[in-house]
């Protein structure tokens, strides 16, 4: 009986397991544009164009030399199916534009499909005559 009481006391007094450190969402990081399709047509991908998504919701499109071409903010909702991504970028000093998109991640490949205006795509395709943009990006290795 005493052994049972001592065993229970040890279990109750033991420190609680530590929480695992929070991991950044899978979409956060630097991504290199591999391919672009607009309206069902392949468009040459800009050479080494980098898209950066940060943990604090910042978005940057950068040249290979690191120069930021365009920036803005984004929100991601991975609970949606498919996952939603809204990117707001400053088109010029006075105007902003929000692209409603969907995204998926498969290992080191990020696929983003965006529509025009308030039209969010529901599938990962860019059909002929549409204004849908389908981009495939690969995680940049340091």
N, C-alpha and C. Protein backbone atom coordinates (compact mmCIF):
# COMPACT_ATOMS: atom_id res chain seq x y z
N UNK A 1 0.83 -1.19 0.00
CA UNK A 1 0.00 0.00 0.00
C UNK A 1 0.88 1.25 0.00
N UNK A 2 1.94 1.25 0.84
CA UNK A 2 2.83 2.41 0.89
C UNK A 2 3.51 2.63 -0.46
N UNK A 3 3.85 1.55 -1.14
CA UNK A 3 4.49 1.68 -2.46
C UNK A 3 3.53 2.34 -3.45
N UNK A 4 2.25 1.99 -3.37
CA UNK A 4 1.26 2.58 -4.25
C UNK A 4 1.12 4.07 -3.99
N UNK A 5 1.08 4.48 -2.72
CA UNK A 5 0.96 5.88 -2.35
C UNK A 5 2.20 6.65 -2.81
N UNK A 6 3.39 6.07 -2.61
CA UNK A 6 4.63 6.73 -3.03
C UNK A 6 4.66 6.85 -4.55
N UNK A 7 4.24 5.81 -5.27
CA UNK A 7 4.20 5.84 -6.74
C UNK A 7 3.27 6.93 -7.24
N UNK A 8 2.08 7.03 -6.66
CA UNK A 8 1.13 8.06 -7.06
C UNK A 8 1.67 9.45 -6.74
N UNK A 9 2.33 9.60 -5.62
CA UNK A 9 2.89 10.90 -5.25
C UNK A 9 3.97 11.31 -6.24
N UNK A 10 4.78 10.36 -6.69
CA UNK A 10 5.82 10.67 -7.67
C UNK A 10 5.22 11.09 -9.01
N UNK A 11 4.15 10.42 -9.41
CA UNK A 11 3.51 10.77 -10.68
C UNK A 11 2.91 12.16 -10.60
N UNK A 12 2.23 12.48 -9.53
CA UNK A 12 1.59 13.79 -9.37
C UNK A 12 2.64 14.89 -9.27
N UNK A 13 3.76 14.61 -8.61
CA UNK A 13 4.79 15.62 -8.40
C UNK A 13 5.70 15.79 -9.61
N UNK A 14 5.66 14.87 -10.55
CA UNK A 14 6.55 14.95 -11.72
C UNK A 14 6.21 16.19 -12.54
N UNK A 15 7.23 16.83 -13.12
CA UNK A 15 6.94 18.02 -13.94
C UNK A 15 6.15 17.63 -15.18
N UNK A 16 5.32 18.55 -15.59
CA UNK A 16 4.50 18.30 -16.79
C UNK A 16 5.42 18.24 -18.01
N UNK A 17 5.05 17.45 -19.00
CA UNK A 17 5.88 17.40 -20.21
C UNK A 17 5.92 18.78 -20.86
N UNK A 18 7.10 19.11 -21.38
CA UNK A 18 7.25 20.41 -22.03
C UNK A 18 6.51 20.40 -23.35
N UNK A 19 5.94 21.57 -23.68
CA UNK A 19 5.27 21.69 -24.98
C UNK A 19 6.33 21.72 -26.06
N UNK A 20 6.01 21.11 -27.17
CA UNK A 20 6.92 21.14 -28.31
C UNK A 20 7.02 22.58 -28.80
N UNK A 21 8.22 22.99 -29.21
CA UNK A 21 8.33 24.36 -29.72
C UNK A 21 7.44 24.54 -30.94
N UNK A 22 6.87 25.74 -31.04
CA UNK A 22 5.98 26.03 -32.17
C UNK A 22 6.79 26.06 -33.45
N UNK A 23 6.28 25.39 -34.46
CA UNK A 23 6.94 25.33 -35.75
C UNK A 23 6.28 26.35 -36.68
N UNK A 24 7.10 27.01 -37.50
CA UNK A 24 6.55 27.95 -38.47
C UNK A 24 5.64 27.20 -39.43
N UNK A 25 4.59 27.87 -39.90
CA UNK A 25 3.74 27.23 -40.91
C UNK A 25 4.57 26.84 -42.13
N UNK A 26 4.16 25.79 -42.81
CA UNK A 26 4.94 25.24 -43.93
C UNK A 26 5.11 26.23 -45.07
N UNK A 27 4.20 27.20 -45.22
CA UNK A 27 4.30 28.13 -46.34
C UNK A 27 5.31 29.26 -46.09
N UNK A 28 5.78 29.42 -44.87
CA UNK A 28 6.73 30.48 -44.54
C UNK A 28 8.10 30.13 -45.09
N UNK A 29 8.75 31.13 -45.70
CA UNK A 29 10.11 30.92 -46.20
C UNK A 29 10.32 31.61 -47.54
N UNK A 30 11.45 31.30 -48.16
CA UNK A 30 11.80 31.83 -49.47
C UNK A 30 11.53 30.77 -50.52
N UNK A 31 10.87 31.18 -51.59
CA UNK A 31 10.46 30.28 -52.66
C UNK A 31 10.92 30.83 -54.01
N UNK A 32 11.44 29.95 -54.86
CA UNK A 32 11.88 30.33 -56.20
C UNK A 32 10.79 29.92 -57.18
N UNK A 33 10.39 30.86 -58.04
CA UNK A 33 9.35 30.59 -59.03
C UNK A 33 9.91 29.62 -60.07
N UNK A 34 9.24 28.47 -60.22
CA UNK A 34 9.66 27.45 -61.18
C UNK A 34 8.89 27.56 -62.49
N UNK A 35 7.57 27.76 -62.37
CA UNK A 35 6.75 27.87 -63.58
C UNK A 35 5.54 28.75 -63.31
N UNK A 36 5.04 29.36 -64.40
CA UNK A 36 3.87 30.25 -64.32
C UNK A 36 2.98 29.94 -65.51
N UNK A 37 1.67 29.85 -65.24
CA UNK A 37 0.69 29.67 -66.30
C UNK A 37 -0.40 30.72 -66.10
N UNK A 38 -0.76 31.41 -67.16
CA UNK A 38 -1.82 32.42 -67.11
C UNK A 38 -2.79 32.13 -68.23
N UNK A 39 -4.06 31.99 -67.88
CA UNK A 39 -5.08 31.73 -68.89
C UNK A 39 -4.79 30.50 -69.74
N UNK A 40 -4.24 29.48 -69.11
CA UNK A 40 -3.97 28.23 -69.82
C UNK A 40 -2.69 28.24 -70.63
N UNK A 41 -1.96 29.34 -70.62
CA UNK A 41 -0.73 29.45 -71.41
C UNK A 41 0.49 29.51 -70.48
N UNK A 42 1.52 28.73 -70.81
CA UNK A 42 2.76 28.81 -70.06
C UNK A 42 3.42 30.15 -70.34
N UNK A 43 3.90 30.78 -69.28
CA UNK A 43 4.59 32.06 -69.37
C UNK A 43 6.00 31.81 -68.85
N UNK A 44 7.01 32.35 -69.50
CA UNK A 44 8.37 32.14 -68.98
C UNK A 44 8.48 32.64 -67.54
N UNK A 45 8.98 31.78 -66.67
CA UNK A 45 9.17 32.18 -65.27
C UNK A 45 10.34 33.15 -65.19
N UNK A 46 10.20 34.22 -64.42
CA UNK A 46 11.33 35.13 -64.26
C UNK A 46 12.51 34.36 -63.68
N UNK A 47 13.71 34.56 -64.19
CA UNK A 47 14.85 33.80 -63.69
C UNK A 47 15.14 34.13 -62.22
N UNK A 48 15.14 33.10 -61.40
CA UNK A 48 15.45 33.20 -59.97
C UNK A 48 14.63 34.25 -59.23
N UNK A 49 13.37 34.46 -59.64
CA UNK A 49 12.48 35.37 -58.91
C UNK A 49 12.14 34.68 -57.58
N UNK A 50 12.28 35.40 -56.50
CA UNK A 50 12.08 34.83 -55.17
C UNK A 50 10.86 35.46 -54.52
N UNK A 51 10.02 34.61 -53.96
CA UNK A 51 8.86 35.04 -53.18
C UNK A 51 9.17 34.72 -51.72
N UNK A 52 9.05 35.72 -50.85
CA UNK A 52 9.29 35.49 -49.42
C UNK A 52 7.98 35.68 -48.67
N UNK A 53 7.63 34.68 -47.85
CA UNK A 53 6.48 34.75 -46.96
C UNK A 53 7.03 34.63 -45.54
N UNK A 54 6.71 35.60 -44.68
CA UNK A 54 7.27 35.63 -43.33
C UNK A 54 6.24 35.22 -42.28
N UNK A 55 6.73 34.92 -41.09
CA UNK A 55 5.83 34.52 -40.00
C UNK A 55 4.91 35.64 -39.57
N UNK A 56 5.30 36.90 -39.81
CA UNK A 56 4.46 38.03 -39.38
C UNK A 56 3.55 38.53 -40.50
N UNK A 57 3.36 37.71 -41.56
CA UNK A 57 2.39 38.06 -42.59
C UNK A 57 2.89 39.02 -43.65
N UNK A 58 4.19 39.13 -43.81
CA UNK A 58 4.74 40.00 -44.85
C UNK A 58 5.04 39.17 -46.10
N UNK A 59 4.88 39.83 -47.25
CA UNK A 59 5.10 39.22 -48.55
C UNK A 59 6.08 40.10 -49.31
N UNK A 60 7.07 39.48 -49.95
CA UNK A 60 7.99 40.22 -50.81
C UNK A 60 8.27 39.41 -52.06
N UNK A 61 8.38 40.11 -53.18
CA UNK A 61 8.84 39.50 -54.42
C UNK A 61 10.18 40.14 -54.72
N UNK A 62 11.24 39.33 -54.80
CA UNK A 62 12.59 39.86 -54.91
C UNK A 62 13.31 39.34 -56.15
N UNK A 63 14.21 40.18 -56.64
CA UNK A 63 15.11 39.81 -57.72
C UNK A 63 16.22 38.95 -57.14
N UNK A 64 16.98 38.24 -57.99
CA UNK A 64 18.08 37.41 -57.47
C UNK A 64 19.11 38.20 -56.67
N UNK A 65 19.26 39.50 -56.96
CA UNK A 65 20.22 40.32 -56.22
C UNK A 65 19.68 40.80 -54.87
N UNK A 66 18.44 40.42 -54.54
CA UNK A 66 17.84 40.78 -53.26
C UNK A 66 16.97 42.01 -53.31
N UNK A 67 16.96 42.73 -54.42
CA UNK A 67 16.14 43.94 -54.56
C UNK A 67 14.65 43.56 -54.51
N UNK A 68 13.90 44.23 -53.63
CA UNK A 68 12.46 43.98 -53.52
C UNK A 68 11.75 44.67 -54.67
N UNK A 69 11.02 43.90 -55.47
CA UNK A 69 10.27 44.43 -56.61
C UNK A 69 8.91 44.91 -56.16
N UNK A 70 8.29 44.13 -55.29
CA UNK A 70 6.97 44.47 -54.78
C UNK A 70 6.83 43.83 -53.41
N UNK A 71 6.08 44.45 -52.55
CA UNK A 71 5.88 43.92 -51.21
C UNK A 71 4.45 44.12 -50.77
N UNK A 72 4.12 43.55 -49.65
CA UNK A 72 2.78 43.67 -49.12
C UNK A 72 2.59 42.74 -47.94
N UNK A 73 1.36 42.32 -47.77
CA UNK A 73 1.02 41.43 -46.67
C UNK A 73 0.22 40.24 -47.20
N UNK A 74 0.09 39.23 -46.37
CA UNK A 74 -0.72 38.08 -46.75
C UNK A 74 -1.36 37.47 -45.52
N UNK A 75 -2.45 36.77 -45.75
CA UNK A 75 -3.07 35.94 -44.72
C UNK A 75 -3.26 34.56 -45.33
N UNK A 76 -3.07 33.55 -44.52
CA UNK A 76 -3.23 32.17 -44.97
C UNK A 76 -4.19 31.45 -44.03
N UNK A 77 -5.04 30.63 -44.59
CA UNK A 77 -5.97 29.83 -43.79
C UNK A 77 -5.88 28.40 -44.28
N UNK A 78 -5.02 27.62 -43.61
CA UNK A 78 -4.80 26.23 -44.01
C UNK A 78 -5.95 25.32 -43.59
N UNK A 79 -6.90 25.84 -42.81
CA UNK A 79 -8.04 25.03 -42.38
C UNK A 79 -9.07 24.88 -43.49
N UNK A 80 -9.02 25.77 -44.47
CA UNK A 80 -9.93 25.69 -45.62
C UNK A 80 -9.48 24.54 -46.53
N UNK A 81 -10.37 24.08 -47.36
CA UNK A 81 -10.01 23.03 -48.32
C UNK A 81 -10.50 23.43 -49.70
N UNK A 82 -9.60 23.78 -50.62
CA UNK A 82 -8.16 23.92 -50.44
C UNK A 82 -7.81 25.14 -49.59
N UNK A 83 -6.57 25.15 -49.09
CA UNK A 83 -6.11 26.23 -48.21
C UNK A 83 -6.20 27.57 -48.95
N UNK A 84 -6.60 28.62 -48.21
CA UNK A 84 -6.74 29.96 -48.78
C UNK A 84 -5.50 30.80 -48.51
N UNK A 85 -5.18 31.66 -49.48
CA UNK A 85 -4.08 32.61 -49.35
C UNK A 85 -4.55 33.91 -49.98
N UNK A 86 -4.55 34.98 -49.19
CA UNK A 86 -4.90 36.31 -49.69
C UNK A 86 -3.66 37.18 -49.61
N UNK A 87 -3.22 37.69 -50.77
CA UNK A 87 -2.01 38.50 -50.84
C UNK A 87 -2.42 39.92 -51.22
N UNK A 88 -2.05 40.88 -50.38
CA UNK A 88 -2.30 42.29 -50.67
C UNK A 88 -0.96 42.93 -50.96
N UNK A 89 -0.80 43.43 -52.19
CA UNK A 89 0.46 44.08 -52.53
C UNK A 89 0.20 45.48 -53.04
N UNK A 90 1.18 46.31 -52.79
CA UNK A 90 1.10 47.69 -53.24
C UNK A 90 1.48 47.73 -54.72
N UNK A 91 0.51 48.05 -55.56
CA UNK A 91 0.75 48.13 -56.99
C UNK A 91 1.59 49.35 -57.31
N UNK A 92 1.31 50.44 -56.65
CA UNK A 92 2.13 51.65 -56.75
C UNK A 92 2.04 52.34 -55.39
N UNK A 93 2.46 53.55 -55.29
CA UNK A 93 2.49 54.23 -54.00
C UNK A 93 1.10 54.47 -53.41
N UNK A 94 0.06 54.45 -54.24
CA UNK A 94 -1.26 54.81 -53.74
C UNK A 94 -2.28 53.68 -53.80
N UNK A 95 -2.03 52.67 -54.60
CA UNK A 95 -3.05 51.64 -54.80
C UNK A 95 -2.58 50.30 -54.23
N UNK A 96 -3.53 49.56 -53.71
CA UNK A 96 -3.28 48.20 -53.25
C UNK A 96 -4.20 47.27 -54.00
N UNK A 97 -3.75 46.04 -54.16
CA UNK A 97 -4.57 45.04 -54.81
C UNK A 97 -4.47 43.75 -54.01
N UNK A 98 -5.60 43.11 -53.77
CA UNK A 98 -5.61 41.83 -53.06
C UNK A 98 -5.95 40.72 -54.04
N UNK A 99 -5.10 39.71 -54.06
CA UNK A 99 -5.34 38.53 -54.88
C UNK A 99 -5.84 37.42 -53.97
N UNK A 100 -6.97 36.85 -54.34
CA UNK A 100 -7.52 35.73 -53.59
C UNK A 100 -7.04 34.46 -54.27
N UNK A 101 -6.39 33.60 -53.48
CA UNK A 101 -5.75 32.43 -54.04
C UNK A 101 -6.02 31.21 -53.18
N UNK A 102 -5.61 30.07 -53.71
CA UNK A 102 -5.56 28.82 -52.96
C UNK A 102 -4.11 28.34 -53.05
N UNK A 103 -3.72 27.51 -52.08
CA UNK A 103 -2.35 26.99 -52.13
C UNK A 103 -2.30 25.58 -51.57
N UNK A 104 -1.23 24.89 -51.98
CA UNK A 104 -0.95 23.57 -51.42
C UNK A 104 0.56 23.40 -51.39
N UNK A 105 1.00 22.58 -50.44
CA UNK A 105 2.42 22.32 -50.28
C UNK A 105 2.63 20.82 -50.34
N UNK A 106 3.58 20.42 -51.15
CA UNK A 106 3.96 19.02 -51.26
C UNK A 106 5.48 18.96 -51.13
N UNK A 107 5.95 18.70 -49.91
CA UNK A 107 7.39 18.71 -49.66
C UNK A 107 7.94 20.10 -49.82
N UNK A 108 8.86 20.27 -50.77
CA UNK A 108 9.47 21.58 -51.03
C UNK A 108 8.84 22.30 -52.21
N UNK A 109 7.63 21.88 -52.60
CA UNK A 109 6.93 22.51 -53.71
C UNK A 109 5.68 23.22 -53.18
N UNK A 110 5.57 24.50 -53.51
CA UNK A 110 4.41 25.32 -53.16
C UNK A 110 3.68 25.67 -54.46
N UNK A 111 2.41 25.33 -54.52
CA UNK A 111 1.60 25.66 -55.69
C UNK A 111 0.57 26.69 -55.26
N UNK A 112 0.52 27.80 -56.01
CA UNK A 112 -0.44 28.88 -55.73
C UNK A 112 -1.26 29.11 -56.98
N UNK A 113 -2.58 29.18 -56.81
CA UNK A 113 -3.48 29.46 -57.92
C UNK A 113 -4.33 30.66 -57.50
N UNK A 114 -4.23 31.76 -58.28
CA UNK A 114 -4.95 32.97 -57.91
C UNK A 114 -5.87 33.43 -59.03
N UNK A 115 -6.96 34.06 -58.62
CA UNK A 115 -7.93 34.59 -59.56
C UNK A 115 -7.85 36.10 -59.62
N UNK A 116 -8.82 36.70 -60.25
CA UNK A 116 -8.91 38.16 -60.36
C UNK A 116 -10.01 38.66 -59.45
N UNK A 117 -9.78 39.81 -58.83
CA UNK A 117 -10.80 40.41 -57.98
C UNK A 117 -11.19 39.51 -56.84
N UNK A 118 -12.49 39.36 -56.64
CA UNK A 118 -12.99 38.55 -55.54
C UNK A 118 -13.17 37.08 -55.92
N UNK A 119 -12.76 36.71 -57.12
CA UNK A 119 -12.92 35.33 -57.57
C UNK A 119 -11.76 34.47 -57.12
N UNK A 120 -12.01 33.61 -56.13
CA UNK A 120 -11.00 32.68 -55.64
C UNK A 120 -11.15 31.37 -56.40
N UNK A 121 -10.08 30.85 -56.99
CA UNK A 121 -10.19 29.56 -57.68
C UNK A 121 -10.56 28.46 -56.69
N UNK A 122 -11.10 27.39 -57.20
CA UNK A 122 -11.43 26.23 -56.37
C UNK A 122 -10.59 25.02 -56.74
N UNK A 123 -9.89 25.11 -57.88
CA UNK A 123 -9.03 24.01 -58.33
C UNK A 123 -7.68 24.59 -58.76
N UNK A 124 -6.69 23.74 -58.83
CA UNK A 124 -5.34 24.16 -59.22
C UNK A 124 -5.17 23.99 -60.73
N UNK A 125 -5.82 24.90 -61.46
CA UNK A 125 -5.70 24.88 -62.91
C UNK A 125 -5.92 26.28 -63.45
N UNK A 126 -5.32 26.52 -64.62
CA UNK A 126 -5.48 27.79 -65.31
C UNK A 126 -5.98 27.44 -66.71
N UNK A 127 -7.26 27.65 -66.93
CA UNK A 127 -7.85 27.25 -68.21
C UNK A 127 -7.73 28.34 -69.26
N UNK A 128 -7.76 27.91 -70.51
CA UNK A 128 -7.64 28.84 -71.64
C UNK A 128 -8.72 29.92 -71.54
N UNK A 129 -8.32 31.16 -71.77
CA UNK A 129 -9.25 32.28 -71.76
C UNK A 129 -9.56 32.84 -70.38
N UNK A 130 -9.08 32.18 -69.32
CA UNK A 130 -9.34 32.69 -67.97
C UNK A 130 -8.24 33.66 -67.58
N UNK A 131 -8.44 34.34 -66.47
CA UNK A 131 -7.39 35.22 -65.95
C UNK A 131 -6.69 34.56 -64.76
N UNK A 132 -6.91 33.28 -64.57
CA UNK A 132 -6.33 32.55 -63.46
C UNK A 132 -4.82 32.35 -63.65
N UNK A 133 -4.08 32.58 -62.57
CA UNK A 133 -2.63 32.41 -62.58
C UNK A 133 -2.28 31.20 -61.72
N UNK A 134 -1.51 30.28 -62.29
CA UNK A 134 -1.05 29.09 -61.58
C UNK A 134 0.47 29.15 -61.51
N UNK A 135 1.00 29.22 -60.29
CA UNK A 135 2.45 29.28 -60.09
C UNK A 135 2.91 28.09 -59.28
N UNK A 136 4.04 27.53 -59.71
CA UNK A 136 4.69 26.46 -58.97
C UNK A 136 6.04 27.01 -58.50
N UNK A 137 6.27 26.91 -57.20
CA UNK A 137 7.50 27.43 -56.61
C UNK A 137 8.22 26.32 -55.85
N UNK A 138 9.52 26.44 -55.75
CA UNK A 138 10.33 25.47 -55.03
C UNK A 138 11.04 26.19 -53.88
N UNK A 139 11.04 25.53 -52.71
CA UNK A 139 11.68 26.14 -51.55
C UNK A 139 13.15 26.41 -51.84
N UNK A 140 13.59 27.64 -51.54
CA UNK A 140 14.97 28.04 -51.78
C UNK A 140 15.85 27.42 -50.70
N UNK A 141 16.88 26.75 -51.14
CA UNK A 141 17.85 26.16 -50.21
C UNK A 141 18.97 27.17 -49.98
N UNK A 142 19.40 27.30 -48.75
CA UNK A 142 20.50 28.24 -48.44
C UNK A 142 21.83 27.70 -48.86
